[in-house]
Amino acid sequence: MKNVTVSLPDDVYRRARIRAAEEDSSLSALVQRLLVAYTRQESDFERRKRLQAEVLGAIAEYRAGDRLTREEIHSLGRRQAQP
């Protein structure tokens, strides 16, 4: 386990020690819990990577043979253009 030195304003230090004592804990344990919870959150990079995997998984069944031909596309456009 690594030790970390943190500098805090005096009033923040006092309030944090009081809060830790109210929870029957030490300031070190309080900071440790906060940092563990903070690092468990999904980072923006991790979220984007997960979303990319979901999108790629959703289109995994795509086949180029499923595409419309040029004639089919143009006929659809003509049908939509007619009143």
PDB file of N, CA and C in Angstrom:
ATOM      1  N   MET A   1       0.851  -1.169   0.000  1.00  0.00           N
ATOM      2  CA  MET A   1       0.000   0.000   0.000  1.00  0.00           C
ATOM      3  C   MET A   1       0.900   1.237   0.000  1.00  0.00           C
ATOM      4  N   LYS A   2       0.531   2.230  -0.769  1.00  0.00           N
ATOM      5  CA  LYS A   2       1.305   3.464  -0.891  1.00  0.00           C
ATOM      6  C   LYS A   2       0.802   4.516   0.092  1.00  0.00           C
ATOM      7  N   ASN A   3       1.721   5.338   0.564  1.00  0.00           N
ATOM      8  CA  ASN A   3       1.368   6.479   1.403  1.00  0.00           C
ATOM      9  C   ASN A   3       1.344   7.724   0.534  1.00  0.00           C
ATOM     10  N   VAL A   4       0.394   8.592   0.799  1.00  0.00           N
ATOM     11  CA  VAL A   4       0.239   9.826   0.035  1.00  0.00           C
ATOM     12  C   VAL A   4       0.169  10.991   1.013  1.00  0.00           C
ATOM     13  N   THR A   5       0.860  12.065   0.689  1.00  0.00           N
ATOM     14  CA  THR A   5       0.792  13.279   1.497  1.00  0.00           C
ATOM     15  C   THR A   5      -0.136  14.265   0.803  1.00  0.00           C
ATOM     16  N   VAL A   6      -1.100  14.768   1.552  1.00  0.00           N
ATOM     17  CA  VAL A   6      -2.077  15.703   0.999  1.00  0.00           C
ATOM     18  C   VAL A   6      -2.069  16.958   1.859  1.00  0.00           C
ATOM     19  N   SER A   7      -2.029  18.093   1.206  1.00  0.00           N
ATOM     20  CA  SER A   7      -2.101  19.365   1.929  1.00  0.00           C
ATOM     21  C   SER A   7      -3.526  19.899   1.847  1.00  0.00           C
ATOM     22  N   LEU A   8      -4.048  20.294   3.017  1.00  0.00           N
ATOM     23  CA  LEU A   8      -5.417  20.800   3.098  1.00  0.00           C
ATOM     24  C   LEU A   8      -5.436  22.103   3.875  1.00  0.00           C
ATOM     25  N   PRO A   9      -6.379  22.969   3.563  1.00  0.00           N
ATOM     26  CA  PRO A   9      -6.571  24.148   4.429  1.00  0.00           C
ATOM     27  C   PRO A   9      -6.966  23.677   5.826  1.00  0.00           C
ATOM     28  N   ASP A  10      -6.583  24.438   6.830  1.00  0.00           N
ATOM     29  CA  ASP A  10      -6.837  24.046   8.225  1.00  0.00           C
ATOM     30  C   ASP A  10      -8.308  23.756   8.502  1.00  0.00           C
ATOM     31  N   ASP A  11      -9.202  24.594   7.992  1.00  0.00           N
ATOM     32  CA  ASP A  11     -10.626  24.385   8.279  1.00  0.00           C
ATOM     33  C   ASP A  11     -11.154  23.102   7.622  1.00  0.00           C
ATOM     34  N   VAL A  12     -10.678  22.780   6.448  1.00  0.00           N
ATOM     35  CA  VAL A  12     -11.096  21.535   5.779  1.00  0.00           C
ATOM     36  C   VAL A  12     -10.573  20.339   6.555  1.00  0.00           C
ATOM     37  N   TYR A  13      -9.340  20.424   6.999  1.00  0.00           N
ATOM     38  CA  TYR A  13      -8.742  19.348   7.787  1.00  0.00           C
ATOM     39  C   TYR A  13      -9.543  19.085   9.055  1.00  0.00           C
ATOM     40  N   ARG A  14      -9.888  20.161   9.794  1.00  0.00           N
ATOM     41  CA  ARG A  14     -10.657  20.003  11.034  1.00  0.00           C
ATOM     42  C   ARG A  14     -12.022  19.382  10.771  1.00  0.00           C
ATOM     43  N   ARG A  15     -12.728  19.903   9.761  1.00  0.00           N
ATOM     44  CA  ARG A  15     -14.067  19.353   9.452  1.00  0.00           C
ATOM     45  C   ARG A  15     -13.985  17.892   9.010  1.00  0.00           C
ATOM     46  N   ALA A  16     -12.959  17.548   8.229  1.00  0.00           N
ATOM     47  CA  ALA A  16     -12.808  16.165   7.773  1.00  0.00           C
ATOM     48  C   ALA A  16     -12.498  15.234   8.940  1.00  0.00           C
ATOM     49  N   ARG A  17     -11.664  15.683   9.873  1.00  0.00           N
ATOM     50  CA  ARG A  17     -11.366  14.854  11.050  1.00  0.00           C
ATOM     51  C   ARG A  17     -12.604  14.647  11.892  1.00  0.00           C
ATOM     52  N   ILE A  18     -13.405  15.698  12.055  1.00  0.00           N
ATOM     53  CA  ILE A  18     -14.648  15.583  12.825  1.00  0.00           C
ATOM     54  C   ILE A  18     -15.588  14.606  12.126  1.00  0.00           C
ATOM     55  N   ARG A  19     -15.728  14.757  10.827  1.00  0.00           N
ATOM     56  CA  ARG A  19     -16.617  13.873  10.054  1.00  0.00           C
ATOM     57  C   ARG A  19     -16.158  12.418  10.151  1.00  0.00           C
ATOM     58  N   ALA A  20     -14.867  12.188  10.033  1.00  0.00           N
ATOM     59  CA  ALA A  20     -14.336  10.829  10.150  1.00  0.00           C
ATOM     60  C   ALA A  20     -14.606  10.270  11.549  1.00  0.00           C
ATOM     61  N   ALA A  21     -14.411  11.097  12.583  1.00  0.00           N
ATOM     62  CA  ALA A  21     -14.657  10.649  13.957  1.00  0.00           C
ATOM     63  C   ALA A  21     -16.128  10.311  14.158  1.00  0.00           C
ATOM     64  N   GLU A  22     -17.024  11.097  13.560  1.00  0.00           N
ATOM     65  CA  GLU A  22     -18.462  10.815  13.666  1.00  0.00           C
ATOM     66  C   GLU A  22     -18.815   9.471  13.027  1.00  0.00           C
ATOM     67  N   GLU A  23     -18.031   9.085  12.046  1.00  0.00           N
ATOM     68  CA  GLU A  23     -18.254   7.797  11.380  1.00  0.00           C
ATOM     69  C   GLU A  23     -17.402   6.696  12.006  1.00  0.00           C
ATOM     70  N   ASP A  24     -16.803   7.007  13.176  1.00  0.00           N
ATOM     71  CA  ASP A  24     -15.930   6.063  13.886  1.00  0.00           C
ATOM     72  C   ASP A  24     -14.836   5.551  12.957  1.00  0.00           C
ATOM     73  N   SER A  25     -14.196   6.488  12.275  1.00  0.00           N
ATOM     74  CA  SER A  25     -13.168   6.163  11.296  1.00  0.00           C
ATOM     75  C   SER A  25     -12.013   7.145  11.437  1.00  0.00           C
ATOM     76  N   SER A  26     -10.942   6.876  10.731  1.00  0.00           N
ATOM     77  CA  SER A  26      -9.819   7.810  10.701  1.00  0.00           C
ATOM     78  C   SER A  26      -9.907   8.653   9.436  1.00  0.00           C
ATOM     79  N   LEU A  27      -9.177   9.746   9.429  1.00  0.00           N
ATOM     80  CA  LEU A  27      -9.137  10.593   8.246  1.00  0.00           C
ATOM     81  C   LEU A  27      -8.526   9.826   7.076  1.00  0.00           C
ATOM     82  N   SER A  28      -7.516   9.020   7.368  1.00  0.00           N
ATOM     83  CA  SER A  28      -6.874   8.215   6.327  1.00  0.00           C
ATOM     84  C   SER A  28      -7.875   7.237   5.700  1.00  0.00           C
ATOM     85  N   ALA A  29      -8.678   6.585   6.535  1.00  0.00           N
ATOM     86  CA  ALA A  29      -9.676   5.639   6.019  1.00  0.00           C
ATOM     87  C   ALA A  29     -10.751   6.368   5.214  1.00  0.00           C
ATOM     88  N   LEU A  30     -11.123   7.575   5.653  1.00  0.00           N
ATOM     89  CA  LEU A  30     -12.107   8.369   4.934  1.00  0.00           C
ATOM     90  C   LEU A  30     -11.598   8.729   3.540  1.00  0.00           C
ATOM     91  N   VAL A  31     -10.358   9.211   3.465  1.00  0.00           N
ATOM     92  CA  VAL A  31      -9.764   9.571   2.175  1.00  0.00           C
ATOM     93  C   VAL A  31      -9.642   8.327   1.295  1.00  0.00           C
ATOM     94  N   GLN A  32      -9.252   7.214   1.883  1.00  0.00           N
ATOM     95  CA  GLN A  32      -9.130   5.968   1.122  1.00  0.00           C
ATOM     96  C   GLN A  32     -10.471   5.570   0.516  1.00  0.00           C
ATOM     97  N   ARG A  33     -11.551   5.630   1.305  1.00  0.00           N
ATOM     98  CA  ARG A  33     -12.888   5.285   0.779  1.00  0.00           C
ATOM     99  C   ARG A  33     -13.286   6.214  -0.358  1.00  0.00           C
ATOM    100  N   LEU A  34     -13.010   7.516  -0.194  1.00  0.00           N
ATOM    101  CA  LEU A  34     -13.360   8.481  -1.242  1.00  0.00           C
ATOM    102  C   LEU A  34     -12.606   8.199  -2.537  1.00  0.00           C
ATOM    103  N   LEU A  35     -11.307   7.906  -2.418  1.00  0.00           N
ATOM    104  CA  LEU A  35     -10.503   7.647  -3.613  1.00  0.00           C
ATOM    105  C   LEU A  35     -10.873   6.325  -4.278  1.00  0.00           C
ATOM    106  N   VAL A  36     -11.189   5.327  -3.488  1.00  0.00           N
ATOM    107  CA  VAL A  36     -11.625   4.046  -4.065  1.00  0.00           C
ATOM    108  C   VAL A  36     -12.928   4.239  -4.838  1.00  0.00           C
ATOM    109  N   ALA A  37     -13.877   4.947  -4.253  1.00  0.00           N
ATOM    110  CA  ALA A  37     -15.148   5.203  -4.934  1.00  0.00           C
ATOM    111  C   ALA A  37     -14.918   6.040  -6.193  1.00  0.00           C
ATOM    112  N   TYR A  38     -14.044   7.022  -6.110  1.00  0.00           N
ATOM    113  CA  TYR A  38     -13.748   7.904  -7.244  1.00  0.00           C
ATOM    114  C   TYR A  38     -13.128   7.125  -8.402  1.00  0.00           C
ATOM    115  N   THR A  39     -12.208   6.228  -8.093  1.00  0.00           N
ATOM    116  CA  THR A  39     -11.529   5.487  -9.161  1.00  0.00           C
ATOM    117  C   THR A  39     -12.369   4.347  -9.710  1.00  0.00           C
ATOM    118  N   ARG A  40     -13.421   3.963  -9.035  1.00  0.00           N
ATOM    119  CA  ARG A  40     -14.308   2.916  -9.560  1.00  0.00           C
ATOM    120  C   ARG A  40     -15.233   3.459 -10.649  1.00  0.00           C
ATOM    121  N   GLN A  41     -15.407   4.751 -10.684  1.00  0.00           N
ATOM    122  CA  GLN A  41     -16.278   5.350 -11.693  1.00  0.00           C
ATOM    123  C   GLN A  41     -15.671   5.146 -13.067  1.00  0.00           C
ATOM    124  N   GLU A  42     -16.537   4.917 -14.029  1.00  0.00           N
ATOM    125  CA  GLU A  42     -16.099   4.710 -15.404  1.00  0.00           C
ATOM    126  C   GLU A  42     -15.546   6.018 -15.972  1.00  0.00           C
ATOM    127  N   SER A  43     -14.347   5.960 -16.527  1.00  0.00           N
ATOM    128  CA  SER A  43     -13.762   7.163 -17.124  1.00  0.00           C
ATOM    129  C   SER A  43     -14.451   7.448 -18.459  1.00  0.00           C
ATOM    130  N   ASP A  44     -14.260   8.646 -18.956  1.00  0.00           N
ATOM    131  CA  ASP A  44     -14.846   9.016 -20.244  1.00  0.00           C
ATOM    132  C   ASP A  44     -14.318   8.093 -21.336  1.00  0.00           C
ATOM    133  N   PHE A  45     -13.026   7.783 -21.305  1.00  0.00           N
ATOM    134  CA  PHE A  45     -12.440   6.876 -22.287  1.00  0.00           C
ATOM    135  C   PHE A  45     -13.076   5.493 -22.192  1.00  0.00           C
ATOM    136  N   GLU A  46     -13.217   4.983 -20.969  1.00  0.00           N
ATOM    137  CA  GLU A  46     -13.825   3.658 -20.783  1.00  0.00           C
ATOM    138  C   GLU A  46     -15.271   3.641 -21.265  1.00  0.00           C
ATOM    139  N   ARG A  47     -16.004   4.729 -20.977  1.00  0.00           N
ATOM    140  CA  ARG A  47     -17.401   4.809 -21.420  1.00  0.00           C
ATOM    141  C   ARG A  47     -17.492   4.801 -22.937  1.00  0.00           C
ATOM    142  N   ARG A  48     -16.636   5.586 -23.587  1.00  0.00           N
ATOM    143  CA  ARG A  48     -16.653   5.627 -25.054  1.00  0.00           C
ATOM    144  C   ARG A  48     -16.254   4.284 -25.659  1.00  0.00           C
ATOM    145  N   LYS A  49     -15.292   3.617 -25.051  1.00  0.00           N
ATOM    146  CA  LYS A  49     -14.862   2.304 -25.535  1.00  0.00           C
ATOM    147  C   LYS A  49     -16.006   1.288 -25.394  1.00  0.00           C
ATOM    148  N   ARG A  50     -16.728   1.346 -24.260  1.00  0.00           N
ATOM    149  CA  ARG A  50     -17.874   0.445 -24.048  1.00  0.00           C
ATOM    150  C   ARG A  50     -18.968   0.731 -25.068  1.00  0.00           C
ATOM    151  N   LEU A  51     -19.268   2.017 -25.294  1.00  0.00           N
ATOM    152  CA  LEU A  51     -20.296   2.375 -26.272  1.00  0.00           C
ATOM    153  C   LEU A  51     -19.908   1.934 -27.680  1.00  0.00           C
ATOM    154  N   GLN A  52     -18.635   2.074 -28.015  1.00  0.00           N
ATOM    155  CA  GLN A  52     -18.160   1.632 -29.324  1.00  0.00           C
ATOM    156  C   GLN A  52     -18.362   0.129 -29.476  1.00  0.00           C
ATOM    157  N   ALA A  53     -18.029  -0.623 -28.450  1.00  0.00           N
ATOM    158  CA  ALA A  53     -18.208  -2.075 -28.497  1.00  0.00           C
ATOM    159  C   ALA A  53     -19.683  -2.431 -28.652  1.00  0.00           C
ATOM    160  N   GLU A  54     -20.565  -1.685 -27.981  1.00  0.00           N
ATOM    161  CA  GLU A  54     -22.001  -1.940 -28.104  1.00  0.00           C
ATOM    162  C   GLU A  54     -22.479  -1.668 -29.524  1.00  0.00           C
ATOM    163  N   VAL A  55     -22.027  -0.568 -30.111  1.00  0.00           N
ATOM    164  CA  VAL A  55     -22.435  -0.224 -31.479  1.00  0.00           C
ATOM    165  C   VAL A  55     -21.904  -1.262 -32.457  1.00  0.00           C
ATOM    166  N   LEU A  56     -20.632  -1.608 -32.324  1.00  0.00           N
ATOM    167  CA  LEU A  56     -20.064  -2.603 -33.232  1.00  0.00           C
ATOM    168  C   LEU A  56     -20.744  -3.955 -33.068  1.00  0.00           C
ATOM    169  N   GLY A  57     -21.127  -4.292 -31.850  1.00  0.00           N
ATOM    170  CA  GLY A  57     -21.856  -5.536 -31.617  1.00  0.00           C
ATOM    171  C   GLY A  57     -23.236  -5.513 -32.242  1.00  0.00           C
ATOM    172  N   ALA A  58     -23.865  -4.338 -32.251  1.00  0.00           N
ATOM    173  CA  ALA A  58     -25.209  -4.214 -32.817  1.00  0.00           C
ATOM    174  C   ALA A  58     -25.192  -4.320 -34.336  1.00  0.00           C
ATOM    175  N   ILE A  59     -24.078  -3.938 -34.958  1.00  0.00           N
ATOM    176  CA  ILE A  59     -24.032  -3.992 -36.422  1.00  0.00           C
ATOM    177  C   ILE A  59     -23.210  -5.180 -36.916  1.00  0.00           C
ATOM    178  N   ALA A  60     -22.906  -6.109 -36.034  1.00  0.00           N
ATOM    179  CA  ALA A  60     -22.092  -7.261 -36.409  1.00  0.00           C
ATOM    180  C   ALA A  60     -22.784  -8.120 -37.466  1.00  0.00           C
ATOM    181  N   GLU A  61     -24.096  -8.063 -37.510  1.00  0.00           N
ATOM    182  CA  GLU A  61     -24.826  -8.894 -38.469  1.00  0.00           C
ATOM    183  C   GLU A  61     -25.034  -8.201 -39.809  1.00  0.00           C
ATOM    184  N   TYR A  62     -24.442  -7.055 -39.988  1.00  0.00           N
ATOM    185  CA  TYR A  62     -24.549  -6.331 -41.249  1.00  0.00           C
ATOM    186  C   TYR A  62     -23.746  -7.056 -42.320  1.00  0.00           C
ATOM    187  N   ARG A  63     -24.342  -7.182 -43.492  1.00  0.00           N
ATOM    188  CA  ARG A  63     -23.644  -7.783 -44.625  1.00  0.00           C
ATOM    189  C   ARG A  63     -23.772  -6.837 -45.808  1.00  0.00           C
ATOM    190  N   ALA A  64     -22.722  -6.707 -46.566  1.00  0.00           N
ATOM    191  CA  ALA A  64     -22.738  -5.823 -47.731  1.00  0.00           C
ATOM    192  C   ALA A  64     -23.780  -6.288 -48.742  1.00  0.00           C
ATOM    193  N   GLY A  65     -24.065  -7.573 -48.762  1.00  0.00           N
ATOM    194  CA  GLY A  65     -25.067  -8.100 -49.685  1.00  0.00           C
ATOM    195  C   GLY A  65     -26.480  -7.654 -49.351  1.00  0.00           C
ATOM    196  N   ASP A  66     -26.688  -7.131 -48.148  1.00  0.00           N
ATOM    197  CA  ASP A  66     -28.012  -6.670 -47.741  1.00  0.00           C
ATOM    198  C   ASP A  66     -28.330  -5.273 -48.266  1.00  0.00           C
ATOM    199  N   ARG A  67     -27.360  -4.630 -48.896  1.00  0.00           N
ATOM    200  CA  ARG A  67     -27.570  -3.263 -49.365  1.00  0.00           C
ATOM    201  C   ARG A  67     -28.494  -3.248 -50.579  1.00  0.00           C
ATOM    202  N   LEU A  68     -29.171  -2.121 -50.752  1.00  0.00           N
ATOM    203  CA  LEU A  68     -30.032  -1.933 -51.916  1.00  0.00           C
ATOM    204  C   LEU A  68     -29.167  -1.671 -53.145  1.00  0.00           C
ATOM    205  N   THR A  69     -29.685  -2.088 -54.285  1.00  0.00           N
ATOM    206  CA  THR A  69     -28.985  -1.784 -55.526  1.00  0.00           C
ATOM    207  C   THR A  69     -29.217  -0.320 -55.867  1.00  0.00           C
ATOM    208  N   ARG A  70     -28.434   0.194 -56.797  1.00  0.00           N
ATOM    209  CA  ARG A  70     -28.581   1.577 -57.241  1.00  0.00           C
ATOM    210  C   ARG A  70     -29.989   1.805 -57.799  1.00  0.00           C
ATOM    211  N   GLU A  71     -30.491   0.862 -58.553  1.00  0.00           N
ATOM    212  CA  GLU A  71     -31.833   0.987 -59.133  1.00  0.00           C
ATOM    213  C   GLU A  71     -32.904   1.032 -58.056  1.00  0.00           C
ATOM    214  N   GLU A  72     -32.765   0.197 -57.017  1.00  0.00           N
ATOM    215  CA  GLU A  72     -33.738   0.194 -55.922  1.00  0.00           C
ATOM    216  C   GLU A  72     -33.732   1.522 -55.175  1.00  0.00           C
ATOM    217  N   ILE A  73     -32.567   2.081 -54.962  1.00  0.00           N
ATOM    218  CA  ILE A  73     -32.470   3.368 -54.273  1.00  0.00           C
ATOM    219  C   ILE A  73     -33.150   4.456 -55.091  1.00  0.00           C
ATOM    220  N   HIS A  74     -32.893   4.472 -56.411  1.00  0.00           N
ATOM    221  CA  HIS A  74     -33.482   5.496 -57.256  1.00  0.00           C
ATOM    222  C   HIS A  74     -34.997   5.320 -57.364  1.00  0.00           C
ATOM    223  N   SER A  75     -35.455   4.085 -57.381  1.00  0.00           N
ATOM    224  CA  SER A  75     -36.909   3.878 -57.458  1.00  0.00           C
ATOM    225  C   SER A  75     -37.583   4.329 -56.159  1.00  0.00           C
ATOM    226  N   LEU A  76     -36.922   4.137 -55.023  1.00  0.00           N
ATOM    227  CA  LEU A  76     -37.471   4.630 -53.763  1.00  0.00           C
ATOM    228  C   LEU A  76     -37.561   6.153 -53.773  1.00  0.00           C
ATOM    229  N   GLY A  77     -36.539   6.793 -54.291  1.00  0.00           N
ATOM    230  CA  GLY A  77     -36.541   8.250 -54.362  1.00  0.00           C
ATOM    231  C   GLY A  77     -37.633   8.761 -55.278  1.00  0.00           C
ATOM    232  N   ARG A  78     -37.872   8.067 -56.375  1.00  0.00           N
ATOM    233  CA  ARG A  78     -38.941   8.484 -57.302  1.00  0.00           C
ATOM    234  C   ARG A  78     -40.308   8.295 -56.651  1.00  0.00           C
ATOM    235  N   ARG A  79     -40.491   7.215 -55.910  1.00  0.00           N
ATOM    236  CA  ARG A  79     -41.784   6.968 -55.250  1.00  0.00           C
ATOM    237  C   ARG A  79     -42.068   8.031 -54.194  1.00  0.00           C
ATOM    238  N   GLN A  80     -41.045   8.448 -53.464  1.00  0.00           N
ATOM    239  CA  GLN A  80     -41.247   9.455 -52.421  1.00  0.00           C
ATOM    240  C   GLN A  80     -41.484  10.837 -53.037  1.00  0.00           C
ATOM    241  N   ALA A  81     -40.940  11.078 -54.210  1.00  0.00           N
ATOM    242  CA  ALA A  81     -41.090  12.383 -54.852  1.00  0.00           C
ATOM    243  C   ALA A  81     -42.468  12.550 -55.494  1.00  0.00           C
ATOM    244  N   GLN A  82     -43.149  11.446 -55.801  1.00  0.00           N
ATOM    245  CA  GLN A  82     -44.469  11.521 -56.428  1.00  0.00           C
ATOM    246  C   GLN A  82     -45.503  11.930 -55.383  1.00  0.00           C
ATOM    247  N   PRO A  83     -46.456  12.813 -55.820  1.00  0.00           N
ATOM    248  CA  PRO A  83     -47.487  13.291 -54.871  1.00  0.00           C
ATOM    249  C   PRO A  83     -48.518  12.241 -54.555  1.00  0.00           C
TER     250      PRO A  83
END
